[in-house]
Amino acid sequence: MAKVSVTPQEFTFVKYDAGQIAELTSKLADQIGLPADTVIELDIDESTPATRVRTDSLDPIKLHVEGGALEDPTAPRTLSERLAADSLGKLLLRAKDRRDGGFADAPPDAELTLPQQTAWDTYSMGRLERLGYDVRPQRRLYHFRNRHGFTDVADNAFKRLWAAESLTWADIEAVCAETSSAGATV
């Protein structure tokens, strides 16, 4: 299993358990197919309820997660395993995609446009669902429509991304171009 470290080790603003988060991250890495010797460093900013996440490095995999991305919305300051799996799973899949080479041309996370990020997230969440995670497809479809348009073109693009087993960055860009030409708004 992947070697996962979580910072901070002890949380003071939220009721998260670093060991529980490390265990979930390791399980996800294994299910996603990252090599057993993968090193993952997870930095959690517990001081903010914001939900931004990003990949800072691929070797080792360094993930930055704002505390709200892991929080249970019905129990503030408490970890939601479902939302943690969503956030961490999508980041780990993005790291795996980048390491496998098909996404070598993808810009860094901070430079992704909202449509690019949403398309890649859709591809990732479809894979997480097939691994047995509750990723709320209807919520994802609505989010996709907000970035790619409320059109049949966007809905068909969403279905293709969701069901895809293996895509490249060129495939993500093609979807973005397709929905943009059909009148998508950001």
C-alpha atoms as a PDB file:
ATOM      1  CA  MET A   1       0.000   0.000   0.000  1.00  0.00           C
ATOM      2  CA  ALA A   2       1.021   3.585  -0.594  1.00  0.00           C
ATOM      3  CA  LYS A   3       2.958   5.384   2.107  1.00  0.00           C
ATOM      4  CA  VAL A   4       0.794   8.329   3.176  1.00  0.00           C
ATOM      5  CA  SER A   5       1.709  11.177   5.499  1.00  0.00           C
ATOM      6  CA  VAL A   6      -0.830  13.740   6.689  1.00  0.00           C
ATOM      7  CA  THR A   7      -0.051  17.244   7.909  1.00  0.00           C
ATOM      8  CA  PRO A   8      -1.039  18.233  10.499  1.00  0.00           C
ATOM      9  CA  GLN A   9      -0.836  15.070  12.553  1.00  0.00           C
ATOM     10  CA  GLU A  10      -3.175  16.575  15.141  1.00  0.00           C
ATOM     11  CA  PHE A  11      -6.032  18.853  14.160  1.00  0.00           C
ATOM     12  CA  THR A  12      -7.093  21.741  16.388  1.00  0.00           C
ATOM     13  CA  PHE A  13      -9.801  23.567  14.366  1.00  0.00           C
ATOM     14  CA  VAL A  14     -11.659  20.497  13.093  1.00  0.00           C
ATOM     15  CA  LYS A  15     -12.420  17.032  14.425  1.00  0.00           C
ATOM     16  CA  TYR A  16     -10.426  15.120  11.817  1.00  0.00           C
ATOM     17  CA  ASP A  17      -8.220  12.123  12.486  1.00  0.00           C
ATOM     18  CA  ALA A  18      -4.943  12.068  10.523  1.00  0.00           C
ATOM     19  CA  GLY A  19      -4.759   8.259  10.774  1.00  0.00           C
ATOM     20  CA  GLN A  20      -8.255   7.850   9.336  1.00  0.00           C
ATOM     21  CA  ILE A  21      -7.453  10.219   6.457  1.00  0.00           C
ATOM     22  CA  ALA A  22      -4.160   8.433   5.751  1.00  0.00           C
ATOM     23  CA  GLU A  23      -5.925   5.064   5.735  1.00  0.00           C
ATOM     24  CA  LEU A  24      -8.616   6.300   3.330  1.00  0.00           C
ATOM     25  CA  THR A  25      -5.984   7.873   1.050  1.00  0.00           C
ATOM     26  CA  SER A  26      -3.936   4.669   1.015  1.00  0.00           C
ATOM     27  CA  LYS A  27      -7.020   2.584   0.215  1.00  0.00           C
ATOM     28  CA  LEU A  28      -7.953   4.925  -2.632  1.00  0.00           C
ATOM     29  CA  ALA A  29      -4.401   4.854  -4.027  1.00  0.00           C
ATOM     30  CA  ASP A  30      -4.473   1.049  -4.014  1.00  0.00           C
ATOM     31  CA  GLN A  31      -7.909   0.843  -5.670  1.00  0.00           C
ATOM     32  CA  ILE A  32      -6.961   3.428  -8.282  1.00  0.00           C
ATOM     33  CA  GLY A  33      -3.907   1.388  -9.199  1.00  0.00           C
ATOM     34  CA  LEU A  34      -1.043   3.544  -7.997  1.00  0.00           C
ATOM     35  CA  PRO A  35       2.115   1.477  -7.364  1.00  0.00           C
ATOM     36  CA  ALA A  36       2.486   0.087  -3.835  1.00  0.00           C
ATOM     37  CA  ASP A  37       5.658   2.132  -3.258  1.00  0.00           C
ATOM     38  CA  THR A  38       3.917   5.441  -4.021  1.00  0.00           C
ATOM     39  CA  VAL A  39       4.641   8.189  -1.511  1.00  0.00           C
ATOM     40  CA  ILE A  40       1.753  10.579  -0.873  1.00  0.00           C
ATOM     41  CA  GLU A  41       2.122  13.723   1.221  1.00  0.00           C
ATOM     42  CA  LEU A  42      -1.222  15.245   2.131  1.00  0.00           C
ATOM     43  CA  ASP A  43      -1.270  18.831   3.437  1.00  0.00           C
ATOM     44  CA  ILE A  44      -4.635  19.829   4.916  1.00  0.00           C
ATOM     45  CA  ASP A  45      -5.371  23.473   5.660  1.00  0.00           C
ATOM     46  CA  GLU A  46      -7.764  23.021   8.560  1.00  0.00           C
ATOM     47  CA  SER A  47      -8.090  26.772   9.120  1.00  0.00           C
ATOM     48  CA  THR A  48     -10.495  27.302   6.224  1.00  0.00           C
ATOM     49  CA  PRO A  49     -13.914  25.905   5.350  1.00  0.00           C
ATOM     50  CA  ALA A  50     -13.100  26.468   1.650  1.00  0.00           C
ATOM     51  CA  THR A  51     -13.029  23.429  -0.620  1.00  0.00           C
ATOM     52  CA  ARG A  52     -10.150  24.040  -3.045  1.00  0.00           C
ATOM     53  CA  VAL A  53      -7.815  21.138  -3.758  1.00  0.00           C
ATOM     54  CA  ARG A  54      -4.706  20.830  -5.912  1.00  0.00           C
ATOM     55  CA  THR A  55      -1.792  18.597  -6.775  1.00  0.00           C
ATOM     56  CA  ASP A  56       1.533  20.281  -6.010  1.00  0.00           C
ATOM     57  CA  SER A  57       3.915  17.507  -7.075  1.00  0.00           C
ATOM     58  CA  LEU A  58       3.867  14.074  -8.701  1.00  0.00           C
ATOM     59  CA  ASP A  59       7.002  12.469  -7.232  1.00  0.00           C
ATOM     60  CA  PRO A  60       6.263  12.274  -4.413  1.00  0.00           C
ATOM     61  CA  ILE A  61       2.570  12.988  -4.870  1.00  0.00           C
ATOM     62  CA  LYS A  62       1.908  16.140  -2.842  1.00  0.00           C
ATOM     63  CA  LEU A  63      -1.706  17.119  -2.377  1.00  0.00           C
ATOM     64  CA  HIS A  64      -3.018  20.323  -0.839  1.00  0.00           C
ATOM     65  CA  VAL A  65      -6.588  20.193   0.474  1.00  0.00           C
ATOM     66  CA  GLU A  66      -8.566  22.945   2.159  1.00  0.00           C
ATOM     67  CA  GLY A  67     -10.453  21.634   5.178  1.00  0.00           C
ATOM     68  CA  GLY A  68     -13.932  22.193   3.796  1.00  0.00           C
ATOM     69  CA  ALA A  69     -13.289  19.663   1.010  1.00  0.00           C
ATOM     70  CA  LEU A  70     -13.340  16.919   3.645  1.00  0.00           C
ATOM     71  CA  GLU A  71     -16.059  18.318   5.899  1.00  0.00           C
ATOM     72  CA  ASP A  72     -19.491  16.864   6.529  1.00  0.00           C
ATOM     73  CA  PRO A  73     -21.942  19.656   5.623  1.00  0.00           C
ATOM     74  CA  THR A  74     -24.481  18.309   8.113  1.00  0.00           C
ATOM     75  CA  ALA A  75     -21.970  18.180  10.978  1.00  0.00           C
ATOM     76  CA  PRO A  76     -19.589  21.157  10.742  1.00  0.00           C
ATOM     77  CA  ARG A  77     -15.907  20.560  11.568  1.00  0.00           C
ATOM     78  CA  THR A  78     -16.446  16.777  11.248  1.00  0.00           C
ATOM     79  CA  LEU A  79     -14.896  14.565   8.565  1.00  0.00           C
ATOM     80  CA  SER A  80     -17.152  13.183   5.841  1.00  0.00           C
ATOM     81  CA  GLU A  81     -15.647   9.971   4.495  1.00  0.00           C
ATOM     82  CA  ARG A  82     -17.777  10.284   1.351  1.00  0.00           C
ATOM     83  CA  LEU A  83     -16.614  13.827   0.567  1.00  0.00           C
ATOM     84  CA  ALA A  84     -13.044  12.980   1.534  1.00  0.00           C
ATOM     85  CA  ALA A  85     -13.128  10.065  -0.912  1.00  0.00           C
ATOM     86  CA  ASP A  86     -14.482  12.433  -3.604  1.00  0.00           C
ATOM     87  CA  SER A  87     -11.787  15.063  -3.070  1.00  0.00           C
ATOM     88  CA  LEU A  88      -8.849  12.751  -2.484  1.00  0.00           C
ATOM     89  CA  GLY A  89      -9.922  10.240  -5.125  1.00  0.00           C
ATOM     90  CA  LYS A  90     -10.185  12.896  -7.814  1.00  0.00           C
ATOM     91  CA  LEU A  91      -6.726  14.255  -6.922  1.00  0.00           C
ATOM     92  CA  LEU A  92      -5.164  10.792  -6.895  1.00  0.00           C
ATOM     93  CA  LEU A  93      -6.752   9.928 -10.235  1.00  0.00           C
ATOM     94  CA  ARG A  94      -5.457  13.195 -11.670  1.00  0.00           C
ATOM     95  CA  ALA A  95      -1.962  12.377 -10.375  1.00  0.00           C
ATOM     96  CA  LYS A  96      -2.182   8.866 -11.849  1.00  0.00           C
ATOM     97  CA  ASP A  97      -3.328  10.280 -15.188  1.00  0.00           C
ATOM     98  CA  ARG A  98      -0.395  12.706 -15.240  1.00  0.00           C
ATOM     99  CA  ARG A  99       2.092   9.968 -14.283  1.00  0.00           C
ATOM    100  CA  ASP A 100       0.781   7.555 -16.933  1.00  0.00           C
ATOM    101  CA  GLY A 101       1.708  10.003 -19.689  1.00  0.00           C
ATOM    102  CA  GLY A 102      -1.596  10.583 -21.481  1.00  0.00           C
ATOM    103  CA  PHE A 103      -1.939  13.858 -19.615  1.00  0.00           C
ATOM    104  CA  ALA A 104       1.662  15.034 -19.990  1.00  0.00           C
ATOM    105  CA  ASP A 105       0.426  18.086 -21.930  1.00  0.00           C
ATOM    106  CA  ALA A 106      -2.105  19.090 -19.268  1.00  0.00           C
ATOM    107  CA  PRO A 107      -1.369  22.393 -17.569  1.00  0.00           C
ATOM    108  CA  PRO A 108      -0.705  22.468 -13.817  1.00  0.00           C
ATOM    109  CA  ASP A 109      -3.847  22.340 -11.669  1.00  0.00           C
ATOM    110  CA  ALA A 110      -3.696  26.074 -10.973  1.00  0.00           C
ATOM    111  CA  GLU A 111      -3.783  26.822 -14.716  1.00  0.00           C
ATOM    112  CA  LEU A 112      -6.720  24.583 -15.652  1.00  0.00           C
ATOM    113  CA  THR A 113      -9.735  26.486 -16.927  1.00  0.00           C
ATOM    114  CA  LEU A 114     -13.023  25.784 -15.158  1.00  0.00           C
ATOM    115  CA  PRO A 115     -14.361  23.785 -18.135  1.00  0.00           C
ATOM    116  CA  GLN A 116     -11.131  21.729 -18.318  1.00  0.00           C
ATOM    117  CA  GLN A 117     -11.186  21.046 -14.588  1.00  0.00           C
ATOM    118  CA  THR A 118     -14.857  20.085 -14.672  1.00  0.00           C
ATOM    119  CA  ALA A 119     -14.384  17.758 -17.649  1.00  0.00           C
ATOM    120  CA  TRP A 120     -11.401  16.036 -15.999  1.00  0.00           C
ATOM    121  CA  ASP A 121     -13.310  15.788 -12.712  1.00  0.00           C
ATOM    122  CA  THR A 122     -16.226  14.166 -14.553  1.00  0.00           C
ATOM    123  CA  TYR A 123     -13.893  11.562 -16.025  1.00  0.00           C
ATOM    124  CA  SER A 124     -12.417  10.954 -12.561  1.00  0.00           C
ATOM    125  CA  MET A 125     -15.735  10.741 -10.739  1.00  0.00           C
ATOM    126  CA  GLY A 126     -17.085   8.211 -13.230  1.00  0.00           C
ATOM    127  CA  ARG A 127     -14.089   5.993 -12.450  1.00  0.00           C
ATOM    128  CA  LEU A 128     -14.613   6.460  -8.698  1.00  0.00           C
ATOM    129  CA  GLU A 129     -18.234   5.417  -9.065  1.00  0.00           C
ATOM    130  CA  ARG A 130     -17.144   2.211 -10.808  1.00  0.00           C
ATOM    131  CA  LEU A 131     -14.884   1.536  -7.808  1.00  0.00           C
ATOM    132  CA  GLY A 132     -17.993   1.618  -5.612  1.00  0.00           C
ATOM    133  CA  TYR A 133     -17.918   5.171  -4.263  1.00  0.00           C
ATOM    134  CA  ASP A 134     -21.086   7.263  -3.856  1.00  0.00           C
ATOM    135  CA  VAL A 135     -20.205  10.244  -6.040  1.00  0.00           C
ATOM    136  CA  ARG A 136     -23.709  11.617  -6.719  1.00  0.00           C
ATOM    137  CA  PRO A 137     -23.827  11.553 -10.546  1.00  0.00           C
ATOM    138  CA  GLN A 138     -26.778  13.968 -10.802  1.00  0.00           C
ATOM    139  CA  ARG A 139     -24.887  16.586  -8.801  1.00  0.00           C
ATOM    140  CA  ARG A 140     -21.888  16.082 -11.085  1.00  0.00           C
ATOM    141  CA  LEU A 141     -24.065  16.441 -14.194  1.00  0.00           C
ATOM    142  CA  TYR A 142     -25.466  19.757 -12.924  1.00  0.00           C
ATOM    143  CA  HIS A 143     -21.961  21.016 -12.170  1.00  0.00           C
ATOM    144  CA  PHE A 144     -20.821  19.927 -15.652  1.00  0.00           C
ATOM    145  CA  ARG A 145     -23.766  21.726 -17.265  1.00  0.00           C
ATOM    146  CA  ASN A 146     -22.869  24.923 -15.399  1.00  0.00           C
ATOM    147  CA  ARG A 147     -19.454  24.916 -17.094  1.00  0.00           C
ATOM    148  CA  HIS A 148     -20.292  23.317 -20.444  1.00  0.00           C
ATOM    149  CA  GLY A 149     -23.868  24.436 -21.120  1.00  0.00           C
ATOM    150  CA  PHE A 150     -27.343  23.102 -20.647  1.00  0.00           C
ATOM    151  CA  THR A 151     -27.422  21.485 -24.088  1.00  0.00           C
ATOM    152  CA  ASP A 152     -27.742  18.028 -25.577  1.00  0.00           C
ATOM    153  CA  VAL A 153     -24.126  18.370 -26.728  1.00  0.00           C
ATOM    154  CA  ALA A 154     -22.982  18.918 -23.135  1.00  0.00           C
ATOM    155  CA  ASP A 155     -25.144  16.079 -21.810  1.00  0.00           C
ATOM    156  CA  ASN A 156     -23.711  13.666 -24.393  1.00  0.00           C
ATOM    157  CA  ALA A 157     -20.174  14.835 -23.597  1.00  0.00           C
ATOM    158  CA  PHE A 158     -20.826  14.240 -19.897  1.00  0.00           C
ATOM    159  CA  LYS A 159     -22.031  10.685 -20.585  1.00  0.00           C
ATOM    160  CA  ARG A 160     -18.922   9.915 -22.653  1.00  0.00           C
ATOM    161  CA  LEU A 161     -16.563  11.302 -20.006  1.00  0.00           C
ATOM    162  CA  TRP A 162     -18.412   9.505 -17.186  1.00  0.00           C
ATOM    163  CA  ALA A 163     -18.286   6.111 -18.912  1.00  0.00           C
ATOM    164  CA  ALA A 164     -14.734   6.416 -20.267  1.00  0.00           C
ATOM    165  CA  GLU A 165     -12.134   3.913 -19.110  1.00  0.00           C
ATOM    166  CA  SER A 166      -9.085   5.564 -20.648  1.00  0.00           C
ATOM    167  CA  LEU A 167      -8.734   9.128 -21.908  1.00  0.00           C
ATOM    168  CA  THR A 168      -5.919  11.539 -22.663  1.00  0.00           C
ATOM    169  CA  TRP A 169      -5.557  15.268 -22.198  1.00  0.00           C
ATOM    170  CA  ALA A 170      -6.343  15.676 -25.905  1.00  0.00           C
ATOM    171  CA  ASP A 171      -9.695  13.962 -25.262  1.00  0.00           C
ATOM    172  CA  ILE A 172     -10.499  16.413 -22.447  1.00  0.00           C
ATOM    173  CA  GLU A 173      -9.576  19.366 -24.661  1.00  0.00           C
ATOM    174  CA  ALA A 174     -11.733  17.975 -27.468  1.00  0.00           C
ATOM    175  CA  VAL A 175     -14.760  17.811 -25.155  1.00  0.00           C
ATOM    176  CA  CYS A 176     -14.150  21.400 -24.039  1.00  0.00           C
ATOM    177  CA  ALA A 177     -13.904  22.576 -27.657  1.00  0.00           C
ATOM    178  CA  GLU A 178     -17.041  20.626 -28.589  1.00  0.00           C
ATOM    179  CA  THR A 179     -19.161  22.092 -25.798  1.00  0.00           C
ATOM    180  CA  SER A 180     -17.734  25.575 -26.333  1.00  0.00           C
ATOM    181  CA  SER A 181     -18.712  25.546 -30.002  1.00  0.00           C
ATOM    182  CA  ALA A 182     -22.228  24.465 -28.948  1.00  0.00           C
ATOM    183  CA  GLY A 183     -22.594  27.598 -26.838  1.00  0.00           C
ATOM    184  CA  ALA A 184     -21.196  26.651 -23.420  1.00  0.00           C
ATOM    185  CA  THR A 185     -20.678  29.429 -20.890  1.00  0.00           C
ATOM    186  CA  VAL A 186     -18.155  29.536 -18.103  1.00  0.00           C
END
